[in-house]
Amino acid sequence: MSQPSVKIQKIWLDDDDSFFELNLDFCTGHCSVNINIYTDNEELEKLRDGVMDFACFKQKEFLWTTGEDVENVSHFLSMRFFLYGNRGYVGVEVTADNKLESPYSVRATFFLVTVLSQIDDFTRKLGSFIKGEIYELDSLIQSFEQ
């Protein structure tokens, strides 16, 4: 069975659980990227709401970003969800930059291809993650068009 392409884990929480550090692990057949980011539930709600609107065909694509793509910040991460082909596939373009100095810097742009039902799974699990019901999320099993 295929493995999830996205794994998210809370690795640090502030005293009132309103701000936290996440470890995101992206894995495709061609690359693997691991990045830590600082965020809050408000940003994750924007991700969840945007992906849900995309999955319900309220918008043709959805772009979520966290951090800034400039120097002297903690991270930059973007995820663009879009329809891929006409067979129910969804593409996810990920750009991740840990904003560290060489030799520890990483910047990668890559794509995941999955199906719409995996997007529904992702938003459901992200909702549980935001509520604090789970602290780890695994989702988005890749599909490949034959």
C-alpha atoms as a PDB file:
ATOM      1  CA  MET A   1       0.000   0.000   0.000  1.00  0.00           C
ATOM      2  CA  SER A   2       1.213   3.502  -0.781  1.00  0.00           C
ATOM      3  CA  GLN A   3       2.481   5.754   1.966  1.00  0.00           C
ATOM      4  CA  PRO A   4       1.112   9.232   2.710  1.00  0.00           C
ATOM      5  CA  SER A   5       3.050  12.022   0.999  1.00  0.00           C
ATOM      6  CA  VAL A   6       2.442  14.597   3.755  1.00  0.00           C
ATOM      7  CA  LYS A   7       3.109  14.114   7.442  1.00  0.00           C
ATOM      8  CA  ILE A   8       2.605  16.950   9.924  1.00  0.00           C
ATOM      9  CA  GLN A   9       3.496  16.784  13.608  1.00  0.00           C
ATOM     10  CA  LYS A  10       3.304  19.323  16.428  1.00  0.00           C
ATOM     11  CA  ILE A  11       6.730  19.358  18.073  1.00  0.00           C
ATOM     12  CA  TRP A  12       6.403  22.391  20.350  1.00  0.00           C
ATOM     13  CA  LEU A  13       3.456  24.283  21.867  1.00  0.00           C
ATOM     14  CA  ASP A  14       3.449  27.564  23.771  1.00  0.00           C
ATOM     15  CA  ASP A  15       1.819  27.760  27.210  1.00  0.00           C
ATOM     16  CA  ASP A  16      -1.713  28.354  25.932  1.00  0.00           C
ATOM     17  CA  ASP A  17      -1.422  26.146  22.803  1.00  0.00           C
ATOM     18  CA  SER A  18      -2.115  29.130  20.522  1.00  0.00           C
ATOM     19  CA  PHE A  19       1.293  29.154  18.809  1.00  0.00           C
ATOM     20  CA  PHE A  20       3.319  26.085  17.921  1.00  0.00           C
ATOM     21  CA  GLU A  21       6.115  24.571  15.872  1.00  0.00           C
ATOM     22  CA  LEU A  22       5.286  22.000  13.245  1.00  0.00           C
ATOM     23  CA  ASN A  23       7.470  19.459  11.522  1.00  0.00           C
ATOM     24  CA  LEU A  24       6.299  18.853   7.960  1.00  0.00           C
ATOM     25  CA  ASP A  25       7.621  15.873   6.053  1.00  0.00           C
ATOM     26  CA  PHE A  26       6.869  15.678   2.328  1.00  0.00           C
ATOM     27  CA  CYS A  27       7.794  12.528   0.445  1.00  0.00           C
ATOM     28  CA  THR A  28       7.338  11.787  -3.250  1.00  0.00           C
ATOM     29  CA  GLY A  29       8.796   9.092  -5.445  1.00  0.00           C
ATOM     30  CA  HIS A  30      11.533  11.538  -6.416  1.00  0.00           C
ATOM     31  CA  CYS A  31      12.373  13.563  -3.301  1.00  0.00           C
ATOM     32  CA  SER A  32      11.850  13.987   0.407  1.00  0.00           C
ATOM     33  CA  VAL A  33      11.759  17.343   2.205  1.00  0.00           C
ATOM     34  CA  ASN A  34      11.539  17.936   5.936  1.00  0.00           C
ATOM     35  CA  ILE A  35      10.927  21.448   7.298  1.00  0.00           C
ATOM     36  CA  ASN A  36       9.970  22.984  10.643  1.00  0.00           C
ATOM     37  CA  ILE A  37       7.698  26.020  10.733  1.00  0.00           C
ATOM     38  CA  TYR A  38       6.099  28.200  13.416  1.00  0.00           C
ATOM     39  CA  THR A  39       2.385  28.829  12.990  1.00  0.00           C
ATOM     40  CA  ASP A  40      -0.989  29.000  14.725  1.00  0.00           C
ATOM     41  CA  ASN A  41      -4.470  27.579  14.300  1.00  0.00           C
ATOM     42  CA  GLU A  42      -5.648  30.673  12.397  1.00  0.00           C
ATOM     43  CA  GLU A  43      -3.159  29.966   9.595  1.00  0.00           C
ATOM     44  CA  LEU A  44      -4.096  26.276   9.560  1.00  0.00           C
ATOM     45  CA  GLU A  45      -7.801  27.224   9.377  1.00  0.00           C
ATOM     46  CA  LYS A  46      -7.028  29.302   6.267  1.00  0.00           C
ATOM     47  CA  LEU A  47      -5.366  26.237   4.742  1.00  0.00           C
ATOM     48  CA  ARG A  48      -8.278  23.972   5.632  1.00  0.00           C
ATOM     49  CA  ASP A  49     -10.970  26.423   4.455  1.00  0.00           C
ATOM     50  CA  GLY A  50      -9.182  27.131   1.170  1.00  0.00           C
ATOM     51  CA  VAL A  51      -8.624  23.459   0.402  1.00  0.00           C
ATOM     52  CA  MET A  52     -12.263  22.694   1.253  1.00  0.00           C
ATOM     53  CA  ASP A  53     -13.454  25.447  -1.111  1.00  0.00           C
ATOM     54  CA  PHE A  54     -11.170  24.048  -3.802  1.00  0.00           C
ATOM     55  CA  ALA A  55     -12.469  20.486  -3.226  1.00  0.00           C
ATOM     56  CA  CYS A  56     -16.066  21.749  -3.527  1.00  0.00           C
ATOM     57  CA  PHE A  57     -15.177  23.427  -6.849  1.00  0.00           C
ATOM     58  CA  LYS A  58     -15.758  26.926  -5.459  1.00  0.00           C
ATOM     59  CA  GLN A  59     -12.378  27.940  -6.895  1.00  0.00           C
ATOM     60  CA  LYS A  60     -10.200  26.506  -9.659  1.00  0.00           C
ATOM     61  CA  GLU A  61      -7.056  26.464  -7.539  1.00  0.00           C
ATOM     62  CA  PHE A  62      -5.954  27.435  -4.064  1.00  0.00           C
ATOM     63  CA  LEU A  63      -2.598  28.820  -2.907  1.00  0.00           C
ATOM     64  CA  TRP A  64      -1.629  28.789   0.769  1.00  0.00           C
ATOM     65  CA  THR A  65       1.591  30.353   2.011  1.00  0.00           C
ATOM     66  CA  THR A  66       3.182  30.681   5.399  1.00  0.00           C
ATOM     67  CA  GLY A  67       6.298  32.691   6.157  1.00  0.00           C
ATOM     68  CA  GLU A  68       7.809  35.034   3.626  1.00  0.00           C
ATOM     69  CA  ASP A  69      10.090  34.458   0.670  1.00  0.00           C
ATOM     70  CA  VAL A  70      12.648  37.037   1.855  1.00  0.00           C
ATOM     71  CA  GLU A  71      15.854  36.896   3.897  1.00  0.00           C
ATOM     72  CA  ASN A  72      15.987  36.849   7.705  1.00  0.00           C
ATOM     73  CA  VAL A  73      12.742  34.980   8.351  1.00  0.00           C
ATOM     74  CA  SER A  74      12.182  31.560   9.906  1.00  0.00           C
ATOM     75  CA  HIS A  75      10.680  29.764   6.888  1.00  0.00           C
ATOM     76  CA  PHE A  76       8.754  29.925   3.645  1.00  0.00           C
ATOM     77  CA  LEU A  77       6.244  27.290   2.589  1.00  0.00           C
ATOM     78  CA  SER A  78       3.637  27.391  -0.147  1.00  0.00           C
ATOM     79  CA  MET A  79       1.162  24.765  -1.279  1.00  0.00           C
ATOM     80  CA  ARG A  80      -0.823  25.275  -4.484  1.00  0.00           C
ATOM     81  CA  PHE A  81      -3.739  22.897  -5.078  1.00  0.00           C
ATOM     82  CA  PHE A  82      -5.004  22.618  -8.658  1.00  0.00           C
ATOM     83  CA  LEU A  83      -6.917  20.234 -10.917  1.00  0.00           C
ATOM     84  CA  TYR A  84      -4.587  18.001 -12.903  1.00  0.00           C
ATOM     85  CA  GLY A  85      -6.059  16.627 -16.106  1.00  0.00           C
ATOM     86  CA  ASN A  86      -9.724  15.782 -16.411  1.00  0.00           C
ATOM     87  CA  ARG A  87      -9.884  12.466 -14.535  1.00  0.00           C
ATOM     88  CA  GLY A  88     -10.305  13.695 -10.946  1.00  0.00           C
ATOM     89  CA  TYR A  89      -6.619  14.099 -10.171  1.00  0.00           C
ATOM     90  CA  VAL A  90      -5.365  16.938  -8.019  1.00  0.00           C
ATOM     91  CA  GLY A  91      -1.886  18.403  -8.241  1.00  0.00           C
ATOM     92  CA  VAL A  92      -0.185  19.960  -5.253  1.00  0.00           C
ATOM     93  CA  GLU A  93       2.813  22.174  -5.952  1.00  0.00           C
ATOM     94  CA  VAL A  94       4.953  22.561  -2.843  1.00  0.00           C
ATOM     95  CA  THR A  95       7.734  25.101  -2.382  1.00  0.00           C
ATOM     96  CA  ALA A  96       9.639  24.770   0.887  1.00  0.00           C
ATOM     97  CA  ASP A  97      12.550  26.899   2.097  1.00  0.00           C
ATOM     98  CA  ASN A  98      13.940  26.508   5.608  1.00  0.00           C
ATOM     99  CA  LYS A  99      15.759  29.888   5.347  1.00  0.00           C
ATOM    100  CA  LEU A 100      18.859  28.509   7.047  1.00  0.00           C
ATOM    101  CA  GLU A 101      22.386  29.429   6.029  1.00  0.00           C
ATOM    102  CA  SER A 102      24.640  27.170   4.004  1.00  0.00           C
ATOM    103  CA  PRO A 103      25.400  24.281   4.397  1.00  0.00           C
ATOM    104  CA  TYR A 104      22.028  23.707   6.106  1.00  0.00           C
ATOM    105  CA  SER A 105      19.827  25.588   3.665  1.00  0.00           C
ATOM    106  CA  VAL A 106      17.151  23.761   1.701  1.00  0.00           C
ATOM    107  CA  ARG A 107      14.887  25.110  -1.014  1.00  0.00           C
ATOM    108  CA  ALA A 108      12.778  22.713  -3.013  1.00  0.00           C
ATOM    109  CA  THR A 109       9.839  22.888  -5.382  1.00  0.00           C
ATOM    110  CA  PHE A 110       8.095  19.646  -6.272  1.00  0.00           C
ATOM    111  CA  PHE A 111       4.674  18.237  -7.115  1.00  0.00           C
ATOM    112  CA  LEU A 112       2.363  15.637  -5.618  1.00  0.00           C
ATOM    113  CA  VAL A 113      -0.463  14.104  -7.645  1.00  0.00           C
ATOM    114  CA  THR A 114      -3.389  12.639  -5.751  1.00  0.00           C
ATOM    115  CA  VAL A 115      -7.154  12.168  -6.099  1.00  0.00           C
ATOM    116  CA  LEU A 116     -10.005  14.306  -4.816  1.00  0.00           C
ATOM    117  CA  SER A 117     -10.933  11.823  -2.070  1.00  0.00           C
ATOM    118  CA  GLN A 118      -7.439  12.296  -0.598  1.00  0.00           C
ATOM    119  CA  ILE A 119      -8.090  16.052  -0.437  1.00  0.00           C
ATOM    120  CA  ASP A 120     -11.249  15.318   1.578  1.00  0.00           C
ATOM    121  CA  ASP A 121      -9.199  13.066   3.889  1.00  0.00           C
ATOM    122  CA  PHE A 122      -6.593  15.825   4.306  1.00  0.00           C
ATOM    123  CA  THR A 123      -9.163  18.486   5.297  1.00  0.00           C
ATOM    124  CA  ARG A 124     -10.907  16.102   7.710  1.00  0.00           C
ATOM    125  CA  LYS A 125      -7.650  15.225   9.446  1.00  0.00           C
ATOM    126  CA  LEU A 126      -6.521  18.857   9.420  1.00  0.00           C
ATOM    127  CA  GLY A 127      -9.747  19.778  11.240  1.00  0.00           C
ATOM    128  CA  SER A 128      -8.958  17.214  13.973  1.00  0.00           C
ATOM    129  CA  PHE A 129      -5.382  18.498  14.101  1.00  0.00           C
ATOM    130  CA  ILE A 130      -6.556  22.101  14.593  1.00  0.00           C
ATOM    131  CA  LYS A 131      -8.978  21.062  17.358  1.00  0.00           C
ATOM    132  CA  GLY A 132      -6.141  19.310  19.189  1.00  0.00           C
ATOM    133  CA  GLU A 133      -7.739  15.878  18.841  1.00  0.00           C
ATOM    134  CA  ILE A 134      -4.603  14.600  17.100  1.00  0.00           C
ATOM    135  CA  TYR A 135      -0.998  15.852  17.117  1.00  0.00           C
ATOM    136  CA  GLU A 136       0.147  13.982  14.014  1.00  0.00           C
ATOM    137  CA  LEU A 137      -1.410  13.989  10.565  1.00  0.00           C
ATOM    138  CA  ASP A 138      -0.617  11.632   7.663  1.00  0.00           C
ATOM    139  CA  SER A 139      -2.398  12.200   4.371  1.00  0.00           C
ATOM    140  CA  LEU A 140      -2.325  12.667   0.588  1.00  0.00           C
ATOM    141  CA  ILE A 141      -1.434   9.284  -0.859  1.00  0.00           C
ATOM    142  CA  GLN A 142      -0.013   9.839  -4.328  1.00  0.00           C
ATOM    143  CA  SER A 143      -1.718   8.593  -7.470  1.00  0.00           C
ATOM    144  CA  PHE A 144      -0.094   8.265 -10.828  1.00  0.00           C
ATOM    145  CA  GLU A 145      -1.876   8.493 -14.140  1.00  0.00           C
ATOM    146  CA  GLN A 146      -1.087   5.402 -16.239  1.00  0.00           C
END
